[in-house]
């Protein structure tokens, strides 16, 4: 006979897979927008996300927010893979989390903008999905576009970003930055990082057909 024997059972908590499921799980309490725990299918651990329950019928999982420039977004591949920033202000949730999240069911992507005059615009894509790390987290699907921002958006050419960066480089002179005095706008589409200008294109440095190798002569 065992004296004072007690048996304990630990129940692993269940987590919702996205903010829509969080909203539906507690719909009777009228969830407010804020930070909640979710765990997409296959992701090893639950993680915090900001859920917006004020837009439309609610249940939006916020992937990214940038407003006042308090967080630096010029970061490494690893930073964008893992995520950075603060959910209550500016952040990027992380490409790895987005990949697991968007590959478990069909999602709509909504991107909202506000210009300096306070005018708001948005675009939506009805079937958004990105690939995993093996696929370089590239966009695998977007679906149908809708929105109100078409006339307000300046789309940059392939491999360029909209920035105030002044150090663009050319394939035929990779060691020299294009002079900032040649810039007429505060921000524009630029070719930066490991990409260089060749003719009218912005291409990876290893694809430059006329890359010059400089040698010291004594």
N, C-alpha and C. Protein backbone atom coordinates (compact mmCIF):
# COMPACT_ATOMS: atom_id res chain seq x y z
N UNK A 1 0.85 -1.19 0.00
CA UNK A 1 0.00 0.00 0.00
C UNK A 1 0.88 1.24 0.00
N UNK A 2 0.50 2.23 -0.81
CA UNK A 2 1.24 3.48 -0.88
C UNK A 2 0.55 4.52 -0.03
N UNK A 3 1.32 5.18 0.79
CA UNK A 3 0.78 6.19 1.68
C UNK A 3 1.01 7.58 1.08
N UNK A 4 -0.02 8.39 1.18
CA UNK A 4 0.07 9.77 0.67
C UNK A 4 0.51 9.83 -0.80
N UNK A 5 0.01 8.91 -1.58
CA UNK A 5 0.35 8.90 -3.00
C UNK A 5 -0.58 9.83 -3.77
N UNK A 6 0.01 10.70 -4.60
CA UNK A 6 -0.79 11.63 -5.39
C UNK A 6 -0.33 11.58 -6.85
N UNK A 7 -1.27 11.70 -7.75
CA UNK A 7 -0.97 11.67 -9.18
C UNK A 7 -1.35 13.01 -9.80
N UNK A 8 -0.43 13.57 -10.59
CA UNK A 8 -0.67 14.87 -11.22
C UNK A 8 -0.69 14.70 -12.74
N UNK A 9 -1.58 15.40 -13.36
CA UNK A 9 -1.67 15.40 -14.82
C UNK A 9 -1.50 16.84 -15.29
N UNK A 10 -0.48 17.08 -16.13
CA UNK A 10 -0.25 18.41 -16.67
C UNK A 10 -0.87 18.49 -18.05
N UNK A 11 -1.74 19.44 -18.23
CA UNK A 11 -2.40 19.62 -19.52
C UNK A 11 -1.70 20.71 -20.31
N UNK A 12 -1.18 20.35 -21.49
CA UNK A 12 -0.54 21.32 -22.36
C UNK A 12 -1.59 22.29 -22.92
N UNK A 13 -1.40 23.60 -22.75
CA UNK A 13 -2.41 24.54 -23.23
C UNK A 13 -2.48 24.55 -24.75
N UNK A 14 -3.65 24.79 -25.26
CA UNK A 14 -3.85 24.89 -26.70
C UNK A 14 -3.74 26.35 -27.10
N UNK A 15 -3.16 26.59 -28.27
CA UNK A 15 -3.01 27.94 -28.78
C UNK A 15 -3.72 28.06 -30.12
N UNK A 16 -4.30 29.20 -30.36
CA UNK A 16 -4.92 29.46 -31.65
C UNK A 16 -3.83 29.72 -32.68
N UNK A 17 -4.18 29.50 -33.96
CA UNK A 17 -3.18 29.57 -35.02
C UNK A 17 -2.98 30.98 -35.58
N UNK A 18 -3.92 31.87 -35.35
CA UNK A 18 -3.80 33.24 -35.84
C UNK A 18 -4.78 34.11 -35.05
N UNK A 19 -4.79 35.40 -35.35
CA UNK A 19 -5.65 36.32 -34.59
C UNK A 19 -7.13 36.10 -34.86
N UNK A 20 -7.48 35.59 -36.02
CA UNK A 20 -8.88 35.30 -36.31
C UNK A 20 -9.40 34.21 -35.38
N UNK A 21 -8.58 33.19 -35.15
CA UNK A 21 -8.98 32.12 -34.24
C UNK A 21 -9.01 32.62 -32.80
N UNK A 22 -8.09 33.53 -32.45
CA UNK A 22 -8.12 34.13 -31.11
C UNK A 22 -9.44 34.86 -30.90
N UNK A 23 -9.85 35.63 -31.90
CA UNK A 23 -11.10 36.38 -31.81
C UNK A 23 -12.30 35.44 -31.68
N UNK A 24 -12.32 34.39 -32.51
CA UNK A 24 -13.44 33.46 -32.49
C UNK A 24 -13.51 32.65 -31.20
N UNK A 25 -12.33 32.37 -30.62
CA UNK A 25 -12.31 31.57 -29.40
C UNK A 25 -12.90 32.32 -28.23
N UNK A 26 -12.82 33.65 -28.26
CA UNK A 26 -13.32 34.45 -27.14
C UNK A 26 -14.27 35.53 -27.64
N UNK A 27 -15.06 35.20 -28.64
CA UNK A 27 -15.92 36.21 -29.25
C UNK A 27 -16.94 36.77 -28.27
N UNK A 28 -17.33 35.97 -27.29
CA UNK A 28 -18.33 36.44 -26.34
C UNK A 28 -17.81 37.54 -25.43
N UNK A 29 -16.47 37.65 -25.33
CA UNK A 29 -15.88 38.67 -24.46
C UNK A 29 -15.48 39.91 -25.24
N UNK A 30 -15.71 39.91 -26.55
CA UNK A 30 -15.39 41.07 -27.39
C UNK A 30 -13.93 41.49 -27.22
N UNK A 31 -13.03 40.64 -27.67
CA UNK A 31 -11.60 40.91 -27.54
C UNK A 31 -11.23 42.29 -28.06
N UNK A 32 -10.40 42.98 -27.33
CA UNK A 32 -9.87 44.25 -27.79
C UNK A 32 -8.57 44.02 -28.54
N UNK A 33 -8.17 44.99 -29.34
CA UNK A 33 -6.89 44.89 -30.02
C UNK A 33 -5.77 44.85 -28.99
N UNK A 34 -4.73 44.08 -29.26
CA UNK A 34 -3.62 43.97 -28.33
C UNK A 34 -2.75 42.77 -28.63
N UNK A 35 -1.89 42.43 -27.71
CA UNK A 35 -0.92 41.35 -27.89
C UNK A 35 -1.49 40.03 -27.37
N UNK A 36 -1.40 38.99 -28.22
CA UNK A 36 -1.90 37.66 -27.86
C UNK A 36 -0.88 36.61 -28.29
N UNK A 37 -0.99 35.42 -27.70
CA UNK A 37 -0.14 34.29 -28.09
C UNK A 37 -0.83 33.46 -29.17
N UNK A 38 -0.08 33.09 -30.22
CA UNK A 38 -0.58 32.17 -31.23
C UNK A 38 0.49 31.12 -31.52
N UNK A 39 0.11 30.06 -32.19
CA UNK A 39 1.06 29.02 -32.60
C UNK A 39 0.59 28.42 -33.92
N UNK A 40 1.11 28.91 -35.05
CA UNK A 40 0.74 28.34 -36.35
C UNK A 40 1.11 26.86 -36.45
N UNK A 41 0.46 26.15 -37.33
CA UNK A 41 0.75 24.73 -37.55
C UNK A 41 2.23 24.53 -37.86
N UNK A 42 2.88 23.64 -37.12
CA UNK A 42 4.26 23.28 -37.39
C UNK A 42 5.30 24.16 -36.73
N UNK A 43 4.90 25.34 -36.23
CA UNK A 43 5.88 26.21 -35.59
C UNK A 43 6.21 25.64 -34.22
N UNK A 44 7.51 25.62 -33.84
CA UNK A 44 7.89 24.90 -32.61
C UNK A 44 7.35 25.46 -31.32
N UNK A 45 7.21 26.78 -31.21
CA UNK A 45 6.78 27.39 -29.95
C UNK A 45 5.74 28.49 -30.23
N UNK A 46 4.84 28.73 -29.27
CA UNK A 46 3.93 29.86 -29.42
C UNK A 46 4.71 31.18 -29.35
N UNK A 47 4.19 32.21 -29.99
CA UNK A 47 4.84 33.51 -29.95
C UNK A 47 3.78 34.61 -29.92
N UNK A 48 4.21 35.79 -29.50
CA UNK A 48 3.29 36.91 -29.36
C UNK A 48 3.09 37.63 -30.69
N UNK A 49 1.86 38.05 -30.94
CA UNK A 49 1.54 38.87 -32.11
C UNK A 49 0.60 39.99 -31.65
N UNK A 50 0.52 41.03 -32.46
CA UNK A 50 -0.46 42.08 -32.20
C UNK A 50 -1.69 41.82 -33.04
N UNK A 51 -2.84 41.68 -32.42
CA UNK A 51 -4.10 41.42 -33.10
C UNK A 51 -4.92 42.70 -33.19
N UNK A 52 -5.34 43.05 -34.40
CA UNK A 52 -6.19 44.23 -34.61
C UNK A 52 -7.63 43.75 -34.75
N UNK A 53 -8.44 44.06 -33.74
CA UNK A 53 -9.84 43.66 -33.76
C UNK A 53 -10.78 44.85 -33.99
N UNK A 54 -10.19 45.98 -34.43
CA UNK A 54 -10.99 47.17 -34.68
C UNK A 54 -11.30 47.36 -36.16
N UNK A 55 -10.48 46.77 -37.04
CA UNK A 55 -10.67 46.91 -38.48
C UNK A 55 -11.68 45.88 -38.98
N UNK A 56 -12.69 46.35 -39.71
CA UNK A 56 -13.74 45.47 -40.24
C UNK A 56 -14.34 44.64 -39.10
N UNK A 57 -14.31 43.31 -39.26
CA UNK A 57 -14.86 42.44 -38.22
C UNK A 57 -13.79 41.92 -37.27
N UNK A 58 -12.56 42.44 -37.40
CA UNK A 58 -11.48 42.04 -36.49
C UNK A 58 -10.76 40.78 -36.93
N UNK A 59 -9.82 40.34 -36.08
CA UNK A 59 -9.09 39.11 -36.35
C UNK A 59 -7.88 39.28 -37.26
N UNK A 60 -7.36 40.50 -37.41
CA UNK A 60 -6.21 40.73 -38.27
C UNK A 60 -4.92 40.50 -37.48
N UNK A 61 -4.02 39.68 -38.05
CA UNK A 61 -2.71 39.45 -37.46
C UNK A 61 -1.73 40.45 -38.08
N UNK A 62 -1.19 41.35 -37.28
CA UNK A 62 -0.32 42.41 -37.79
C UNK A 62 1.09 41.86 -37.99
N UNK A 63 1.59 41.98 -39.22
CA UNK A 63 2.92 41.47 -39.56
C UNK A 63 3.99 42.55 -39.45
N UNK A 64 3.58 43.81 -39.62
CA UNK A 64 4.58 44.87 -39.74
C UNK A 64 3.93 46.21 -39.43
N UNK A 65 4.66 47.06 -38.70
CA UNK A 65 4.18 48.41 -38.47
C UNK A 65 5.39 49.35 -38.46
N UNK A 66 5.26 50.44 -39.21
CA UNK A 66 6.32 51.45 -39.22
C UNK A 66 5.66 52.81 -39.37
N UNK A 67 5.96 53.72 -38.44
CA UNK A 67 5.25 55.00 -38.46
C UNK A 67 6.17 56.19 -38.24
N UNK A 68 6.91 56.22 -37.13
CA UNK A 68 7.68 57.40 -36.77
C UNK A 68 9.18 57.22 -36.93
N UNK A 69 9.63 56.05 -37.36
CA UNK A 69 11.05 55.83 -37.57
C UNK A 69 11.85 55.57 -36.31
N UNK A 70 11.20 55.09 -35.25
CA UNK A 70 11.92 54.83 -34.01
C UNK A 70 12.74 53.55 -34.06
N UNK A 71 12.43 52.67 -35.00
CA UNK A 71 13.16 51.41 -35.15
C UNK A 71 13.89 51.41 -36.49
N UNK A 72 15.15 51.01 -36.49
CA UNK A 72 15.94 50.92 -37.71
C UNK A 72 15.53 49.69 -38.51
N UNK A 73 15.21 49.87 -39.80
CA UNK A 73 14.79 48.76 -40.65
C UNK A 73 15.87 48.34 -41.66
N UNK A 74 16.98 49.04 -41.68
CA UNK A 74 18.09 48.65 -42.54
C UNK A 74 18.90 47.59 -41.81
N UNK A 75 18.47 46.32 -41.94
CA UNK A 75 19.00 45.24 -41.11
C UNK A 75 19.43 44.03 -41.94
N UNK A 76 19.96 43.03 -41.25
CA UNK A 76 20.50 41.84 -41.89
C UNK A 76 19.40 40.85 -42.25
N UNK A 77 19.78 39.87 -43.08
CA UNK A 77 18.88 38.77 -43.43
C UNK A 77 18.36 38.08 -42.18
N UNK A 78 19.25 37.81 -41.22
CA UNK A 78 18.87 37.10 -40.00
C UNK A 78 17.87 37.90 -39.19
N UNK A 79 18.05 39.22 -39.12
CA UNK A 79 17.10 40.06 -38.40
C UNK A 79 15.70 39.95 -39.01
N UNK A 80 15.63 40.03 -40.34
CA UNK A 80 14.32 39.94 -40.99
C UNK A 80 13.74 38.53 -40.90
N UNK A 81 14.59 37.53 -40.81
CA UNK A 81 14.10 36.17 -40.64
C UNK A 81 13.47 35.98 -39.26
N UNK A 82 14.13 36.49 -38.24
CA UNK A 82 13.69 36.27 -36.86
C UNK A 82 12.70 37.31 -36.36
N UNK A 83 12.74 38.50 -36.95
CA UNK A 83 11.88 39.58 -36.50
C UNK A 83 12.60 40.53 -35.55
N UNK A 84 12.07 41.74 -35.42
CA UNK A 84 12.69 42.74 -34.55
C UNK A 84 11.66 43.83 -34.23
N UNK A 85 12.01 44.68 -33.28
CA UNK A 85 11.14 45.78 -32.89
C UNK A 85 10.23 45.42 -31.72
N UNK A 86 9.20 46.24 -31.52
CA UNK A 86 8.30 46.10 -30.38
C UNK A 86 6.86 46.09 -30.87
N UNK A 87 6.10 45.09 -30.45
CA UNK A 87 4.73 44.92 -30.95
C UNK A 87 3.84 46.11 -30.65
N UNK A 88 4.14 46.85 -29.62
CA UNK A 88 3.32 47.99 -29.27
C UNK A 88 3.64 49.24 -30.07
N UNK A 89 4.73 49.20 -30.85
CA UNK A 89 5.10 50.37 -31.65
C UNK A 89 5.48 49.92 -33.06
N UNK A 90 6.79 49.95 -33.40
CA UNK A 90 7.24 49.56 -34.74
C UNK A 90 7.91 48.20 -34.69
N UNK A 91 7.65 47.37 -35.70
CA UNK A 91 8.24 46.03 -35.67
C UNK A 91 8.10 45.35 -37.03
N UNK A 92 8.87 44.28 -37.19
CA UNK A 92 8.71 43.29 -38.26
C UNK A 92 8.60 41.96 -37.55
N UNK A 93 7.51 41.23 -37.79
CA UNK A 93 7.26 40.02 -37.01
C UNK A 93 8.25 38.89 -37.32
N UNK A 94 8.82 38.88 -38.52
CA UNK A 94 9.81 37.87 -38.89
C UNK A 94 9.34 36.99 -40.03
N UNK A 95 10.22 36.81 -41.03
CA UNK A 95 9.86 36.03 -42.21
C UNK A 95 9.53 34.58 -41.89
N UNK A 96 10.25 34.00 -40.93
CA UNK A 96 9.98 32.60 -40.59
C UNK A 96 8.57 32.43 -40.02
N UNK A 97 8.17 33.32 -39.16
CA UNK A 97 6.82 33.27 -38.59
C UNK A 97 5.77 33.48 -39.68
N UNK A 98 6.04 34.44 -40.58
CA UNK A 98 5.09 34.70 -41.67
C UNK A 98 4.94 33.48 -42.57
N UNK A 99 6.05 32.78 -42.82
CA UNK A 99 6.00 31.59 -43.68
C UNK A 99 5.11 30.51 -43.06
N UNK A 100 5.31 30.21 -41.78
CA UNK A 100 4.48 29.20 -41.12
C UNK A 100 3.03 29.66 -41.07
N UNK A 101 2.83 30.94 -40.79
CA UNK A 101 1.47 31.47 -40.66
C UNK A 101 0.71 31.38 -41.97
N UNK A 102 1.31 31.82 -43.07
CA UNK A 102 0.58 31.93 -44.33
C UNK A 102 0.46 30.61 -45.09
N UNK A 103 1.17 29.58 -44.64
CA UNK A 103 1.09 28.29 -45.33
C UNK A 103 0.15 27.31 -44.64
N UNK A 104 -0.64 27.76 -43.67
CA UNK A 104 -1.56 26.84 -43.01
C UNK A 104 -2.99 26.98 -43.53
N UNK A 105 -3.31 28.10 -44.16
CA UNK A 105 -4.60 28.28 -44.83
C UNK A 105 -4.53 29.54 -45.69
N UNK A 106 -5.61 29.91 -46.34
CA UNK A 106 -5.60 31.07 -47.22
C UNK A 106 -5.81 32.36 -46.43
N UNK A 107 -4.97 33.36 -46.73
CA UNK A 107 -5.03 34.63 -46.02
C UNK A 107 -5.14 35.81 -46.98
N UNK A 108 -5.79 36.85 -46.50
CA UNK A 108 -5.82 38.13 -47.22
C UNK A 108 -4.76 39.04 -46.60
N UNK A 109 -3.99 39.69 -47.46
CA UNK A 109 -3.00 40.66 -47.02
C UNK A 109 -3.56 42.06 -47.22
N UNK A 110 -3.46 42.90 -46.20
CA UNK A 110 -3.89 44.30 -46.30
C UNK A 110 -2.71 45.19 -45.90
N UNK A 111 -2.38 46.15 -46.74
CA UNK A 111 -1.29 47.10 -46.47
C UNK A 111 -1.89 48.49 -46.40
N UNK A 112 -1.66 49.17 -45.29
CA UNK A 112 -2.21 50.50 -45.10
C UNK A 112 -1.09 51.54 -45.10
N UNK A 113 -1.38 52.70 -45.72
CA UNK A 113 -0.44 53.80 -45.82
C UNK A 113 -1.09 55.07 -45.31
N UNK A 114 -0.25 55.99 -44.86
CA UNK A 114 -0.73 57.34 -44.54
C UNK A 114 0.34 58.33 -44.95
N UNK A 115 -0.04 59.34 -45.74
CA UNK A 115 0.95 60.31 -46.20
C UNK A 115 1.12 61.44 -45.17
N UNK A 116 2.01 62.39 -45.51
CA UNK A 116 2.33 63.46 -44.56
C UNK A 116 1.14 64.34 -44.25
N UNK A 117 0.16 64.37 -45.14
CA UNK A 117 -1.04 65.18 -44.92
C UNK A 117 -2.09 64.45 -44.09
N UNK A 118 -1.79 63.22 -43.69
CA UNK A 118 -2.72 62.45 -42.88
C UNK A 118 -3.77 61.69 -43.67
N UNK A 119 -3.63 61.65 -45.01
CA UNK A 119 -4.57 60.92 -45.86
C UNK A 119 -4.21 59.44 -45.86
N UNK A 120 -5.21 58.58 -45.69
CA UNK A 120 -4.98 57.14 -45.56
C UNK A 120 -5.36 56.41 -46.85
N UNK A 121 -4.59 55.37 -47.19
CA UNK A 121 -4.84 54.54 -48.36
C UNK A 121 -4.55 53.09 -47.98
N UNK A 122 -5.05 52.17 -48.78
CA UNK A 122 -4.77 50.76 -48.51
C UNK A 122 -4.79 49.96 -49.80
N UNK A 123 -4.12 48.80 -49.76
CA UNK A 123 -4.22 47.81 -50.84
C UNK A 123 -4.45 46.45 -50.19
N UNK A 124 -5.13 45.56 -50.89
CA UNK A 124 -5.34 44.20 -50.40
C UNK A 124 -5.02 43.19 -51.49
N UNK A 125 -4.56 42.03 -51.06
CA UNK A 125 -4.36 40.88 -51.94
C UNK A 125 -5.06 39.70 -51.28
N UNK A 126 -5.87 38.96 -52.04
CA UNK A 126 -6.78 38.00 -51.40
C UNK A 126 -6.20 36.60 -51.20
N UNK A 127 -4.95 36.36 -51.59
CA UNK A 127 -4.37 35.02 -51.39
C UNK A 127 -2.87 35.15 -51.19
N UNK A 128 -2.47 35.62 -50.00
CA UNK A 128 -1.08 35.93 -49.72
C UNK A 128 -0.38 34.75 -49.06
N UNK A 129 0.80 34.43 -49.59
CA UNK A 129 1.60 33.33 -49.03
C UNK A 129 3.06 33.54 -49.42
N UNK A 130 4.00 33.27 -48.49
CA UNK A 130 5.41 33.30 -48.83
C UNK A 130 6.01 31.91 -48.63
N UNK A 131 7.15 31.68 -49.27
CA UNK A 131 7.82 30.39 -49.16
C UNK A 131 8.63 30.32 -47.86
N UNK A 132 9.18 29.15 -47.57
CA UNK A 132 9.97 28.98 -46.35
C UNK A 132 11.42 29.42 -46.59
N UNK A 133 12.29 29.13 -45.64
CA UNK A 133 13.69 29.55 -45.74
C UNK A 133 14.37 28.97 -46.96
N UNK A 134 14.04 27.72 -47.30
CA UNK A 134 14.64 27.09 -48.49
C UNK A 134 14.26 27.85 -49.75
N UNK A 135 13.11 28.46 -49.75
CA UNK A 135 12.67 29.26 -50.90
C UNK A 135 13.01 30.73 -50.76
N UNK A 136 13.91 31.07 -49.81
CA UNK A 136 14.37 32.44 -49.59
C UNK A 136 13.24 33.38 -49.15
N UNK A 137 12.18 32.82 -48.56
CA UNK A 137 11.04 33.61 -48.08
C UNK A 137 10.45 34.49 -49.18
N UNK A 138 10.53 34.01 -50.41
CA UNK A 138 9.99 34.79 -51.53
C UNK A 138 8.46 34.70 -51.55
N UNK A 139 7.82 35.66 -52.20
CA UNK A 139 6.36 35.66 -52.31
C UNK A 139 5.92 34.52 -53.21
N UNK A 140 5.12 33.61 -52.68
CA UNK A 140 4.65 32.46 -53.45
C UNK A 140 3.28 32.71 -54.06
N UNK A 141 2.51 33.62 -53.49
CA UNK A 141 1.18 33.92 -54.00
C UNK A 141 0.73 35.28 -53.47
N UNK A 142 -0.01 36.00 -54.29
CA UNK A 142 -0.62 37.26 -53.87
C UNK A 142 -2.13 37.26 -54.10
N UNK A 143 -2.54 36.73 -55.25
CA UNK A 143 -3.97 36.73 -55.55
C UNK A 143 -4.41 38.03 -56.18
N UNK A 144 -5.67 38.35 -56.03
CA UNK A 144 -6.28 39.51 -56.68
C UNK A 144 -6.05 40.79 -55.88
N UNK A 145 -5.68 41.84 -56.59
CA UNK A 145 -5.39 43.14 -55.97
C UNK A 145 -6.65 44.01 -55.91
N UNK A 146 -6.84 44.69 -54.81
CA UNK A 146 -7.84 45.74 -54.67
C UNK A 146 -7.26 46.84 -53.80
N UNK A 147 -7.87 48.04 -53.85
CA UNK A 147 -7.39 49.08 -52.96
C UNK A 147 -7.70 50.48 -53.43
N UNK A 148 -7.19 51.45 -52.66
CA UNK A 148 -7.45 52.86 -52.94
C UNK A 148 -6.16 53.64 -53.15
N UNK A 149 -5.02 52.95 -53.22
CA UNK A 149 -3.74 53.65 -53.19
C UNK A 149 -3.00 53.68 -54.52
N UNK A 150 -3.61 53.20 -55.59
CA UNK A 150 -2.89 53.05 -56.85
C UNK A 150 -2.26 54.36 -57.31
N UNK A 151 -2.99 55.46 -57.22
CA UNK A 151 -2.47 56.74 -57.71
C UNK A 151 -1.49 57.37 -56.74
N UNK A 152 -1.34 56.80 -55.54
CA UNK A 152 -0.48 57.40 -54.52
C UNK A 152 0.84 56.66 -54.36
N UNK A 153 0.97 55.49 -54.99
CA UNK A 153 2.16 54.66 -54.77
C UNK A 153 3.14 54.80 -55.91
N UNK A 154 4.40 55.01 -55.57
CA UNK A 154 5.48 54.97 -56.57
C UNK A 154 6.13 53.60 -56.48
N UNK A 155 5.93 52.78 -57.51
CA UNK A 155 6.48 51.43 -57.52
C UNK A 155 7.92 51.47 -58.02
N UNK A 156 8.83 50.91 -57.27
CA UNK A 156 10.24 50.90 -57.66
C UNK A 156 10.52 49.77 -58.65
N UNK A 157 11.50 49.97 -59.54
CA UNK A 157 11.90 48.90 -60.45
C UNK A 157 12.45 47.70 -59.70
N UNK A 158 12.62 46.59 -60.39
CA UNK A 158 13.12 45.35 -59.78
C UNK A 158 14.44 45.58 -59.07
N UNK A 159 14.54 45.05 -57.84
CA UNK A 159 15.75 45.08 -57.01
C UNK A 159 16.06 46.44 -56.42
N UNK A 160 15.19 47.43 -56.58
CA UNK A 160 15.42 48.74 -55.99
C UNK A 160 14.44 48.97 -54.83
N UNK A 161 14.84 49.87 -53.93
CA UNK A 161 14.00 50.21 -52.80
C UNK A 161 13.85 51.73 -52.72
N UNK A 162 12.76 52.19 -52.11
CA UNK A 162 12.51 53.62 -51.93
C UNK A 162 13.21 54.06 -50.66
N UNK A 163 14.23 54.93 -50.78
CA UNK A 163 15.08 55.24 -49.64
C UNK A 163 15.77 56.58 -49.84
N UNK A 164 16.35 57.11 -48.75
CA UNK A 164 17.19 58.30 -48.85
C UNK A 164 18.67 57.92 -48.92
N UNK A 165 18.96 56.63 -49.12
CA UNK A 165 20.33 56.15 -49.26
C UNK A 165 21.01 56.86 -50.43
N UNK A 166 22.26 57.27 -50.23
CA UNK A 166 22.99 58.00 -51.28
C UNK A 166 24.12 57.18 -51.89
N UNK A 167 24.42 56.03 -51.33
CA UNK A 167 25.57 55.28 -51.80
C UNK A 167 25.17 54.19 -52.79
N UNK A 168 24.78 54.58 -53.98
CA UNK A 168 24.58 53.63 -55.07
C UNK A 168 25.91 53.40 -55.78
N UNK A 169 26.09 52.22 -56.35
CA UNK A 169 27.34 51.89 -57.04
C UNK A 169 27.02 51.32 -58.42
N UNK A 170 27.98 51.46 -59.32
CA UNK A 170 27.82 50.96 -60.69
C UNK A 170 28.77 49.79 -60.93
N UNK A 171 28.35 48.91 -61.83
CA UNK A 171 29.17 47.74 -62.15
C UNK A 171 30.56 48.14 -62.64
N UNK A 172 30.65 49.22 -63.43
CA UNK A 172 31.94 49.59 -64.00
C UNK A 172 32.82 50.39 -63.04
N UNK A 173 32.30 50.71 -61.85
CA UNK A 173 33.09 51.42 -60.84
C UNK A 173 32.56 51.08 -59.44
N UNK A 174 32.74 49.82 -59.02
CA UNK A 174 32.09 49.35 -57.79
C UNK A 174 32.62 49.98 -56.51
N UNK A 175 33.77 50.66 -56.55
CA UNK A 175 34.34 51.23 -55.34
C UNK A 175 33.92 52.67 -55.10
N UNK A 176 33.13 53.24 -55.99
CA UNK A 176 32.76 54.64 -55.89
C UNK A 176 31.26 54.81 -55.69
N UNK A 177 30.88 55.55 -54.66
CA UNK A 177 29.47 55.87 -54.45
C UNK A 177 29.05 56.98 -55.42
N UNK A 178 27.85 56.90 -55.92
CA UNK A 178 27.31 58.00 -56.70
C UNK A 178 27.16 59.21 -55.78
N UNK A 179 27.65 60.34 -56.21
CA UNK A 179 27.68 61.54 -55.39
C UNK A 179 26.28 61.93 -54.94
N UNK A 180 26.17 62.29 -53.67
CA UNK A 180 24.87 62.72 -53.15
C UNK A 180 24.43 64.03 -53.77
N UNK A 181 25.36 64.79 -54.35
CA UNK A 181 24.98 66.07 -54.96
C UNK A 181 24.17 65.86 -56.22
N UNK A 182 24.17 64.63 -56.75
CA UNK A 182 23.38 64.35 -57.95
C UNK A 182 21.93 64.05 -57.62
N UNK A 183 21.62 63.95 -56.33
CA UNK A 183 20.26 63.65 -55.91
C UNK A 183 19.43 64.91 -55.85
N UNK A 184 18.27 64.89 -56.45
CA UNK A 184 17.37 66.05 -56.44
C UNK A 184 16.19 65.85 -55.51
N UNK A 185 15.91 64.58 -55.12
CA UNK A 185 14.80 64.29 -54.21
C UNK A 185 15.34 63.80 -52.89
N UNK A 186 14.56 64.03 -51.80
CA UNK A 186 14.96 63.53 -50.49
C UNK A 186 14.98 62.01 -50.49
N UNK A 187 13.98 61.39 -51.10
CA UNK A 187 13.93 59.93 -51.22
C UNK A 187 13.60 59.56 -52.66
N UNK A 188 14.11 58.42 -53.11
CA UNK A 188 13.83 57.94 -54.45
C UNK A 188 14.11 56.45 -54.50
N UNK A 189 13.81 55.81 -55.63
CA UNK A 189 14.12 54.39 -55.82
C UNK A 189 15.62 54.26 -56.05
N UNK A 190 16.28 53.46 -55.24
CA UNK A 190 17.73 53.33 -55.32
C UNK A 190 18.16 51.87 -55.37
N UNK A 191 19.36 51.67 -55.87
CA UNK A 191 19.98 50.35 -56.01
C UNK A 191 21.09 50.27 -54.96
N UNK A 192 20.87 49.52 -53.87
CA UNK A 192 21.80 49.54 -52.75
C UNK A 192 22.13 48.11 -52.30
N UNK A 193 22.99 48.03 -51.29
CA UNK A 193 23.37 46.73 -50.76
C UNK A 193 24.31 46.01 -51.70
N UNK A 194 24.03 44.74 -51.97
CA UNK A 194 24.85 43.92 -52.86
C UNK A 194 24.39 44.01 -54.31
N UNK A 195 23.64 45.06 -54.64
CA UNK A 195 23.16 45.27 -56.00
C UNK A 195 23.83 46.50 -56.60
N UNK A 196 24.05 46.46 -57.91
CA UNK A 196 24.73 47.55 -58.59
C UNK A 196 24.01 47.92 -59.88
N UNK A 197 24.27 49.15 -60.33
CA UNK A 197 23.64 49.67 -61.54
C UNK A 197 24.44 49.26 -62.76
N UNK A 198 23.75 48.69 -63.72
CA UNK A 198 24.34 48.41 -65.03
C UNK A 198 23.34 48.85 -66.09
N UNK A 199 23.67 49.94 -66.77
CA UNK A 199 22.73 50.50 -67.72
C UNK A 199 21.51 51.03 -67.00
N UNK A 200 20.32 50.50 -67.34
CA UNK A 200 19.07 50.91 -66.69
C UNK A 200 18.64 49.93 -65.61
N UNK A 201 19.44 48.90 -65.37
CA UNK A 201 19.05 47.82 -64.46
C UNK A 201 19.82 47.87 -63.15
N UNK A 202 19.22 47.27 -62.13
CA UNK A 202 19.84 47.08 -60.83
C UNK A 202 20.00 45.57 -60.64
N UNK A 203 21.23 45.08 -60.62
CA UNK A 203 21.47 43.64 -60.63
C UNK A 203 22.42 43.24 -59.51
N UNK A 204 22.43 41.95 -59.10
CA UNK A 204 23.40 41.49 -58.10
C UNK A 204 24.83 41.72 -58.60
N UNK A 205 25.71 42.04 -57.68
CA UNK A 205 27.08 42.35 -58.05
C UNK A 205 27.74 41.23 -58.84
N UNK A 206 27.45 39.96 -58.47
CA UNK A 206 28.09 38.84 -59.17
C UNK A 206 27.59 38.63 -60.59
N UNK A 207 26.56 39.41 -60.99
CA UNK A 207 26.07 39.32 -62.36
C UNK A 207 26.57 40.48 -63.23
N UNK A 208 27.37 41.37 -62.67
CA UNK A 208 27.91 42.47 -63.45
C UNK A 208 28.83 41.92 -64.55
N UNK A 209 28.54 42.28 -65.77
CA UNK A 209 29.31 41.73 -66.90
C UNK A 209 30.60 42.48 -67.14
N UNK A 210 30.73 43.66 -66.53
CA UNK A 210 31.92 44.46 -66.78
C UNK A 210 32.56 44.92 -65.47
N UNK A 211 32.54 44.04 -64.47
CA UNK A 211 33.11 44.36 -63.17
C UNK A 211 34.62 44.51 -63.31
N UNK A 212 35.17 45.64 -62.91
CA UNK A 212 36.59 45.90 -63.04
C UNK A 212 37.33 45.47 -61.78
N UNK A 213 38.42 44.75 -61.95
CA UNK A 213 39.26 44.34 -60.84
C UNK A 213 40.50 45.21 -60.85
N UNK A 214 40.72 45.97 -59.79
CA UNK A 214 41.83 46.86 -59.72
C UNK A 214 43.03 46.19 -59.07
N UNK A 215 44.18 46.38 -59.62
CA UNK A 215 45.39 45.80 -59.10
C UNK A 215 46.43 46.91 -58.89
N UNK A 216 47.19 46.78 -57.84
CA UNK A 216 48.26 47.71 -57.59
C UNK A 216 49.47 47.32 -58.43
N UNK A 217 50.11 48.26 -59.06
CA UNK A 217 51.29 48.00 -59.88
C UNK A 217 52.48 48.70 -59.23
N UNK A 218 53.53 47.94 -59.00
CA UNK A 218 54.73 48.50 -58.38
C UNK A 218 55.88 48.47 -59.37
